[in-house]
Amino acid sequence: MKKVIEFLQESRDEMTEHVTWSSFKSLQQTSVVVLVASLIFALIVFGMDQAFQFGLGEIYKSF
């Protein structure tokens, strides 16, 4: 049990004194970048899906 308590104390010390946390403004900016990139990626995948669906539909119609 002593090792567990020591581990928890060292973890707390590491997280409060040695970790550099991002500012709230920085987190907001990176969140917006991730959101925009995700939307762009989703639109690209949607477009590819629609193109394949159309292409395969035309191929299946010919048979």
N, C-alpha and C. Protein backbone atom coordinates (compact mmCIF):
# COMPACT_ATOMS: atom_id res chain seq x y z
N MET A 1 0.82 -1.19 0.00
CA MET A 1 0.00 0.00 0.00
C MET A 1 0.87 1.26 0.00
N LYS A 2 2.03 1.17 0.60
CA LYS A 2 2.94 2.31 0.67
C LYS A 2 3.38 2.74 -0.73
N LYS A 3 3.61 1.76 -1.62
CA LYS A 3 4.04 2.08 -2.98
C LYS A 3 2.93 2.76 -3.76
N VAL A 4 1.69 2.35 -3.52
CA VAL A 4 0.56 2.97 -4.21
C VAL A 4 0.43 4.43 -3.79
N ILE A 5 0.53 4.70 -2.50
CA ILE A 5 0.44 6.08 -2.00
C ILE A 5 1.59 6.92 -2.54
N GLU A 6 2.77 6.34 -2.55
CA GLU A 6 3.94 7.06 -3.09
C GLU A 6 3.74 7.36 -4.57
N PHE A 7 3.23 6.38 -5.31
CA PHE A 7 2.96 6.59 -6.74
C PHE A 7 1.96 7.73 -6.95
N LEU A 8 0.89 7.74 -6.18
CA LEU A 8 -0.12 8.78 -6.31
C LEU A 8 0.43 10.16 -5.97
N GLN A 9 1.26 10.24 -4.93
CA GLN A 9 1.87 11.51 -4.56
C GLN A 9 2.81 12.01 -5.65
N GLU A 10 3.61 11.11 -6.21
CA GLU A 10 4.53 11.49 -7.27
C GLU A 10 3.77 11.89 -8.54
N SER A 11 2.68 11.20 -8.81
CA SER A 11 1.86 11.54 -9.97
C SER A 11 1.28 12.94 -9.82
N ARG A 12 0.76 13.23 -8.64
CA ARG A 12 0.20 14.55 -8.37
C ARG A 12 1.28 15.63 -8.52
N ASP A 13 2.46 15.37 -7.96
CA ASP A 13 3.57 16.31 -8.07
C ASP A 13 3.94 16.55 -9.53
N GLU A 14 4.00 15.49 -10.30
CA GLU A 14 4.35 15.60 -11.72
C GLU A 14 3.31 16.44 -12.47
N MET A 15 2.04 16.18 -12.20
CA MET A 15 0.97 16.88 -12.92
C MET A 15 0.85 18.35 -12.52
N THR A 16 1.20 18.70 -11.31
CA THR A 16 1.04 20.09 -10.86
C THR A 16 2.29 20.94 -11.05
N GLU A 17 3.47 20.33 -11.03
CA GLU A 17 4.70 21.12 -11.05
C GLU A 17 5.55 20.97 -12.31
N HIS A 18 5.38 19.89 -13.05
CA HIS A 18 6.28 19.63 -14.16
C HIS A 18 5.60 19.63 -15.53
N VAL A 19 4.29 19.56 -15.55
CA VAL A 19 3.56 19.53 -16.82
C VAL A 19 3.21 20.96 -17.22
N THR A 20 3.41 21.27 -18.48
CA THR A 20 3.05 22.57 -19.01
C THR A 20 1.66 22.45 -19.64
N TRP A 21 0.70 23.15 -19.05
CA TRP A 21 -0.66 23.08 -19.53
C TRP A 21 -0.91 24.21 -20.53
N SER A 22 -1.67 23.92 -21.56
CA SER A 22 -2.02 24.93 -22.56
C SER A 22 -2.99 25.94 -21.98
N SER A 23 -2.95 27.13 -22.53
CA SER A 23 -3.90 28.15 -22.09
C SER A 23 -5.29 27.87 -22.69
N PHE A 24 -6.30 28.46 -22.08
CA PHE A 24 -7.67 28.25 -22.56
C PHE A 24 -7.82 28.75 -23.99
N LYS A 25 -7.22 29.89 -24.30
CA LYS A 25 -7.30 30.46 -25.66
C LYS A 25 -6.66 29.52 -26.67
N SER A 26 -5.52 28.94 -26.32
CA SER A 26 -4.85 28.00 -27.20
C SER A 26 -5.70 26.75 -27.42
N LEU A 27 -6.34 26.28 -26.37
CA LEU A 27 -7.22 25.11 -26.50
C LEU A 27 -8.41 25.41 -27.40
N GLN A 28 -8.95 26.61 -27.29
CA GLN A 28 -10.06 27.01 -28.15
C GLN A 28 -9.62 27.04 -29.62
N GLN A 29 -8.45 27.61 -29.88
CA GLN A 29 -7.97 27.72 -31.25
C GLN A 29 -7.71 26.34 -31.86
N THR A 30 -7.08 25.48 -31.11
CA THR A 30 -6.80 24.14 -31.66
C THR A 30 -8.09 23.33 -31.81
N SER A 31 -9.05 23.56 -30.94
CA SER A 31 -10.34 22.88 -31.07
C SER A 31 -11.05 23.30 -32.37
N VAL A 32 -10.98 24.58 -32.68
CA VAL A 32 -11.59 25.06 -33.92
C VAL A 32 -10.88 24.45 -35.13
N VAL A 33 -9.57 24.37 -35.08
CA VAL A 33 -8.81 23.77 -36.19
C VAL A 33 -9.21 22.31 -36.37
N VAL A 34 -9.33 21.58 -35.28
CA VAL A 34 -9.72 20.17 -35.35
C VAL A 34 -11.13 20.04 -35.90
N LEU A 35 -12.04 20.90 -35.46
CA LEU A 35 -13.41 20.86 -35.95
C LEU A 35 -13.48 21.13 -37.45
N VAL A 36 -12.79 22.15 -37.91
CA VAL A 36 -12.79 22.48 -39.34
C VAL A 36 -12.16 21.36 -40.15
N ALA A 37 -11.04 20.82 -39.69
CA ALA A 37 -10.39 19.72 -40.40
C ALA A 37 -11.30 18.49 -40.45
N SER A 38 -12.00 18.22 -39.37
CA SER A 38 -12.92 17.08 -39.34
C SER A 38 -14.07 17.26 -40.32
N LEU A 39 -14.60 18.47 -40.39
CA LEU A 39 -15.68 18.74 -41.34
C LEU A 39 -15.20 18.60 -42.78
N ILE A 40 -14.02 19.11 -43.07
CA ILE A 40 -13.46 18.99 -44.43
C ILE A 40 -13.26 17.53 -44.77
N PHE A 41 -12.70 16.76 -43.85
CA PHE A 41 -12.47 15.33 -44.08
C PHE A 41 -13.81 14.61 -44.30
N ALA A 42 -14.82 14.95 -43.51
CA ALA A 42 -16.13 14.32 -43.65
C ALA A 42 -16.74 14.65 -45.01
N LEU A 43 -16.60 15.87 -45.46
CA LEU A 43 -17.11 16.25 -46.78
C LEU A 43 -16.40 15.51 -47.91
N ILE A 44 -15.09 15.33 -47.76
CA ILE A 44 -14.33 14.59 -48.77
C ILE A 44 -14.80 13.13 -48.82
N VAL A 45 -14.95 12.52 -47.65
CA VAL A 45 -15.41 11.12 -47.61
C VAL A 45 -16.83 11.02 -48.16
N PHE A 46 -17.70 11.98 -47.83
CA PHE A 46 -19.06 11.99 -48.36
C PHE A 46 -19.03 12.09 -49.89
N GLY A 47 -18.21 12.97 -50.41
CA GLY A 47 -18.10 13.12 -51.87
C GLY A 47 -17.62 11.86 -52.54
N MET A 48 -16.61 11.22 -51.96
CA MET A 48 -16.11 9.97 -52.52
C MET A 48 -17.19 8.89 -52.48
N ASP A 49 -17.92 8.82 -51.38
CA ASP A 49 -19.00 7.85 -51.24
C ASP A 49 -20.07 8.06 -52.30
N GLN A 50 -20.45 9.31 -52.51
CA GLN A 50 -21.46 9.61 -53.52
C GLN A 50 -20.96 9.26 -54.92
N ALA A 51 -19.70 9.56 -55.20
CA ALA A 51 -19.13 9.25 -56.52
C ALA A 51 -19.11 7.74 -56.76
N PHE A 52 -18.68 6.98 -55.77
CA PHE A 52 -18.66 5.53 -55.93
C PHE A 52 -20.08 4.97 -56.06
N GLN A 53 -21.00 5.52 -55.29
CA GLN A 53 -22.39 5.06 -55.36
C GLN A 53 -22.95 5.33 -56.76
N PHE A 54 -22.70 6.50 -57.29
CA PHE A 54 -23.17 6.83 -58.63
C PHE A 54 -22.51 5.92 -59.67
N GLY A 55 -21.19 5.79 -59.57
CA GLY A 55 -20.45 4.97 -60.54
C GLY A 55 -20.90 3.52 -60.52
N LEU A 56 -21.03 2.94 -59.36
CA LEU A 56 -21.46 1.55 -59.28
C LEU A 56 -22.92 1.40 -59.70
N GLY A 57 -23.75 2.39 -59.41
CA GLY A 57 -25.13 2.36 -59.85
C GLY A 57 -25.23 2.32 -61.36
N GLU A 58 -24.40 3.11 -62.01
CA GLU A 58 -24.40 3.12 -63.49
C GLU A 58 -23.90 1.78 -64.04
N ILE A 59 -22.91 1.23 -63.40
CA ILE A 59 -22.39 -0.09 -63.84
C ILE A 59 -23.46 -1.15 -63.67
N TYR A 60 -24.16 -1.16 -62.53
CA TYR A 60 -25.20 -2.16 -62.28
C TYR A 60 -26.39 -2.00 -63.23
N LYS A 61 -26.69 -0.76 -63.60
CA LYS A 61 -27.81 -0.53 -64.54
C LYS A 61 -27.53 -1.14 -65.90
N SER A 62 -26.24 -1.19 -66.28
CA SER A 62 -25.90 -1.67 -67.61
C SER A 62 -26.04 -3.19 -67.71
N PHE A 63 -26.17 -3.88 -66.59
CA PHE A 63 -26.34 -5.34 -66.64
C PHE A 63 -27.74 -5.67 -66.47
